[in-house]
């Protein structure tokens, strides 16, 4: 195993992590900003107001993007298993 191979695997793993977490983080960010603007406009400073909508948005994003996420993760896992013979040599 060469250092370039290790860096390549690490880069691929980090990219996959960002791709899998990205949709849920983006939905949470959009809902959080929307509620923050709403609170600023109406001057409602309730801390728990942002919690439930964010959880619901993240849950909906998970349901919508789950097949795509599973596909990415299985492809990455398959690729890692295919690299096992090269690691021994």
Protein backbone atom coordinates (compact mmCIF):
# COMPACT_ATOMS: atom_id res chain seq x y z
CA UNK A 1 0.00 0.00 0.00
CA UNK A 2 1.48 3.27 -1.08
CA UNK A 3 1.03 6.63 0.64
CA UNK A 4 -0.83 7.89 -2.43
CA UNK A 5 -3.34 5.05 -2.06
CA UNK A 6 -3.91 5.90 1.60
CA UNK A 7 -4.47 9.56 0.75
CA UNK A 8 -6.82 8.59 -2.06
CA UNK A 9 -8.89 6.34 0.21
CA UNK A 10 -8.99 9.03 2.90
CA UNK A 11 -10.07 11.70 0.42
CA UNK A 12 -12.76 9.42 -0.96
CA UNK A 13 -14.03 8.67 2.55
CA UNK A 14 -14.18 12.36 3.50
CA UNK A 15 -15.97 13.23 0.26
CA UNK A 16 -18.48 10.47 0.88
CA UNK A 17 -19.06 11.72 4.42
CA UNK A 18 -19.79 15.22 3.16
CA UNK A 19 -22.10 13.92 0.44
CA UNK A 20 -24.07 11.75 2.86
CA UNK A 21 -24.38 14.38 5.58
CA UNK A 22 -24.85 17.33 3.21
CA UNK A 23 -28.57 17.11 2.43
CA UNK A 24 -29.58 16.83 6.09
CA UNK A 25 -27.26 19.65 7.13
CA UNK A 26 -28.52 21.84 4.29
CA UNK A 27 -32.17 21.28 5.21
CA UNK A 28 -31.41 22.02 8.87
CA UNK A 29 -29.55 25.18 7.88
CA UNK A 30 -32.37 26.45 5.66
CA UNK A 31 -35.03 25.83 8.31
CA UNK A 32 -32.81 27.36 11.01
CA UNK A 33 -32.23 30.52 8.98
CA UNK A 34 -35.92 30.80 8.11
CA UNK A 35 -36.96 30.52 11.74
CA UNK A 36 -34.22 32.94 12.83
CA UNK A 37 -35.48 35.52 10.36
CA UNK A 38 -39.05 34.91 11.55
CA UNK A 39 -37.97 35.38 15.17
CA UNK A 40 -36.08 38.56 14.32
CA UNK A 41 -39.06 40.03 12.48
CA UNK A 42 -41.63 39.14 15.13
CA UNK A 43 -39.26 39.59 18.10
CA UNK A 44 -40.21 36.18 19.46
CA UNK A 45 -37.18 34.85 21.33
CA UNK A 46 -38.27 31.32 22.10
CA UNK A 47 -35.33 28.89 22.15
CA UNK A 48 -37.46 25.78 21.61
CA UNK A 49 -39.16 27.19 18.50
CA UNK A 50 -36.31 26.08 16.24
CA UNK A 51 -35.94 22.57 17.62
CA UNK A 52 -39.05 20.79 16.33
CA UNK A 53 -39.03 22.21 12.76
CA UNK A 54 -35.33 21.36 12.38
CA UNK A 55 -35.89 17.79 13.55
CA UNK A 56 -38.82 17.41 11.16
CA UNK A 57 -36.86 18.89 8.24
CA UNK A 58 -33.87 16.65 8.90
CA UNK A 59 -36.15 13.63 9.18
CA UNK A 60 -37.84 14.48 5.89
CA UNK A 61 -34.46 14.99 4.20
CA UNK A 62 -33.36 11.61 5.53
CA UNK A 63 -36.46 9.92 4.12
CA UNK A 64 -36.09 11.61 0.74
CA UNK A 65 -32.34 11.08 0.30
CA UNK A 66 -31.97 7.70 2.05
CA UNK A 67 -31.96 5.55 -1.14
CA UNK A 68 -29.27 7.77 -2.68
CA UNK A 69 -27.21 7.69 0.53
CA UNK A 70 -27.44 3.91 0.77
CA UNK A 71 -26.36 3.61 -2.86
CA UNK A 72 -23.29 5.80 -2.22
CA UNK A 73 -22.35 3.86 0.90
CA UNK A 74 -22.74 0.44 -0.72
CA UNK A 75 -20.65 1.55 -3.72
CA UNK A 76 -17.92 2.80 -1.38
CA UNK A 77 -18.01 -0.42 0.65
CA UNK A 78 -17.85 -2.52 -2.51
CA UNK A 79 -14.87 -0.47 -3.69
CA UNK A 80 -13.09 -0.99 -0.36
CA UNK A 81 -13.65 -4.75 -0.53
CA UNK A 82 -12.26 -4.77 -4.07
CA UNK A 83 -9.09 -3.09 -2.77
CA UNK A 84 -8.37 -5.82 -0.20
CA UNK A 85 -6.26 -7.98 -2.58
CA UNK A 86 -4.11 -4.94 -3.45
CA UNK A 87 -3.48 -4.25 0.24
CA UNK A 88 -1.86 -7.66 0.80
CA UNK A 89 0.54 -7.27 -2.10
